[in-house]
């Protein structure tokens, strides 16, 4: 298995481990790497476990990878910017969901209000 940008992928996976441990566990333990090698050449994405709260604020957590002649190349983890921000500095949490700025905090507040109605 290879990486398109190994340093970038490692940063994002470390951030994923800290802020979304179930998605990290899904990536490390539940991803069948042998099955990936049998896919035809192309670019693919796999959804990792995402909590409903996280999904409403940031979207689904995805692993993007490509297969070229049986070689799996890890391309990216999404949402990219959230994971890089989580690696660079410690994110605060609001009502159990990590946030980067006031816009994210506002989205969390909207999500909570929708649940109450």
Protein backbone atom coordinates (compact mmCIF):
# COMPACT_ATOMS: atom_id res chain seq x y z
CA UNK A 1 0.00 0.00 0.00
CA UNK A 2 1.31 3.43 -0.92
CA UNK A 3 0.29 7.00 -0.25
CA UNK A 4 -0.08 9.92 -2.65
CA UNK A 5 1.20 12.28 0.08
CA UNK A 6 2.24 10.22 3.09
CA UNK A 7 2.85 13.14 5.48
CA UNK A 8 -0.55 14.67 4.71
CA UNK A 9 -2.34 11.33 5.11
CA UNK A 10 -0.61 10.63 8.44
CA UNK A 11 -1.58 14.06 9.77
CA UNK A 12 -5.19 13.50 8.82
CA UNK A 13 -5.27 9.97 10.28
CA UNK A 14 -3.86 11.23 13.59
CA UNK A 15 -6.52 13.91 13.72
CA UNK A 16 -9.14 11.29 12.85
CA UNK A 17 -7.89 9.10 15.70
CA UNK A 18 -8.30 11.98 18.16
CA UNK A 19 -11.65 13.47 17.07
CA UNK A 20 -13.44 10.48 15.48
CA UNK A 21 -12.03 7.32 17.07
CA UNK A 22 -14.74 5.01 15.66
CA UNK A 23 -13.98 6.15 12.12
CA UNK A 24 -10.26 5.58 12.79
CA UNK A 25 -11.02 2.08 14.07
CA UNK A 26 -13.10 1.46 10.94
CA UNK A 27 -10.16 2.60 8.79
CA UNK A 28 -7.51 0.53 10.56
CA UNK A 29 -9.32 -2.68 11.48
CA UNK A 30 -12.36 -3.06 9.21
CA UNK A 31 -10.85 -2.08 5.86
CA UNK A 32 -10.18 -5.23 3.82
CA UNK A 33 -6.97 -4.32 2.00
CA UNK A 34 -6.87 -7.59 0.06
CA UNK A 35 -10.33 -6.92 -1.35
CA UNK A 36 -9.24 -3.45 -2.47
CA UNK A 37 -6.45 -4.94 -4.59
CA UNK A 38 -8.91 -6.98 -6.63
CA UNK A 39 -10.86 -3.92 -7.79
CA UNK A 40 -10.42 -2.70 -11.36
CA UNK A 41 -8.18 0.32 -11.97
CA UNK A 42 -9.78 3.58 -10.90
CA UNK A 43 -10.43 6.01 -8.06
CA UNK A 44 -12.80 4.92 -5.28
CA UNK A 45 -14.12 6.24 -1.99
CA UNK A 46 -15.32 4.39 1.08
CA UNK A 47 -17.49 5.93 3.77
CA UNK A 48 -16.14 5.40 7.27
CA UNK A 49 -18.27 5.42 10.41
CA UNK A 50 -19.62 8.92 11.01
CA UNK A 51 -21.82 9.96 13.92
CA UNK A 52 -25.04 11.74 12.99
CA UNK A 53 -23.95 14.92 14.74
CA UNK A 54 -20.59 15.05 12.96
CA UNK A 55 -22.22 14.26 9.61
CA UNK A 56 -24.72 17.12 9.94
CA UNK A 57 -21.96 19.66 10.66
CA UNK A 58 -19.05 18.47 8.45
CA UNK A 59 -20.40 15.72 6.21
CA UNK A 60 -19.44 12.06 5.93
CA UNK A 61 -15.93 10.86 6.66
CA UNK A 62 -14.52 9.30 3.49
CA UNK A 63 -11.38 7.45 2.52
CA UNK A 64 -10.43 8.21 -1.08
CA UNK A 65 -8.10 5.69 -2.71
CA UNK A 66 -7.08 4.58 -6.16
CA UNK A 67 -6.17 1.17 -7.55
CA UNK A 68 -3.58 0.85 -10.30
CA UNK A 69 -2.68 -2.69 -11.44
CA UNK A 70 -3.47 -4.17 -8.02
CA UNK A 71 -1.55 -1.48 -6.12
CA UNK A 72 -3.68 0.50 -3.65
CA UNK A 73 -2.73 4.16 -3.27
CA UNK A 74 -4.29 6.06 -0.37
CA UNK A 75 -5.25 9.45 -1.77
CA UNK A 76 -7.08 11.41 0.94
CA UNK A 77 -9.27 11.47 4.03
CA UNK A 78 -12.24 13.82 3.92
CA UNK A 79 -13.30 16.31 5.31
CA UNK A 80 -9.72 17.38 4.61
CA UNK A 81 -9.70 20.87 6.07
CA UNK A 82 -11.33 19.79 9.34
CA UNK A 83 -8.79 17.01 9.82
CA UNK A 84 -5.82 19.26 9.03
CA UNK A 85 -7.11 21.96 11.38
CA UNK A 86 -7.52 19.32 14.09
CA UNK A 87 -3.91 18.26 13.60
CA UNK A 88 -2.48 21.78 13.66
CA UNK A 89 -4.22 22.97 16.83
CA UNK A 90 -6.39 21.59 19.60
CA UNK A 91 -10.08 21.89 18.73
CA UNK A 92 -12.65 22.79 21.37
CA UNK A 93 -15.90 20.89 21.67
CA UNK A 94 -19.40 22.25 21.92
CA UNK A 95 -22.12 19.87 23.08
CA UNK A 96 -19.84 16.92 22.32
CA UNK A 97 -18.93 17.94 18.74
CA UNK A 98 -15.50 19.41 17.93
CA UNK A 99 -15.56 22.80 16.22
CA UNK A 100 -13.03 25.09 14.56
CA UNK A 101 -14.73 28.47 14.48
CA UNK A 102 -17.97 30.32 15.20
CA UNK A 103 -19.51 29.12 11.93
CA UNK A 104 -19.10 25.47 13.00
CA UNK A 105 -20.48 26.31 16.45
CA UNK A 106 -23.50 27.91 14.78
CA UNK A 107 -24.10 24.74 12.71
CA UNK A 108 -23.96 22.64 15.89
CA UNK A 109 -26.47 24.95 17.56
CA UNK A 110 -28.82 24.65 14.55
CA UNK A 111 -28.50 20.87 14.62
CA UNK A 112 -29.45 20.79 18.30
CA UNK A 113 -32.44 23.08 17.73
CA UNK A 114 -33.71 20.80 14.93
CA UNK A 115 -33.59 17.83 17.28
CA UNK A 116 -35.61 19.70 19.91
CA UNK A 117 -38.41 20.65 17.51
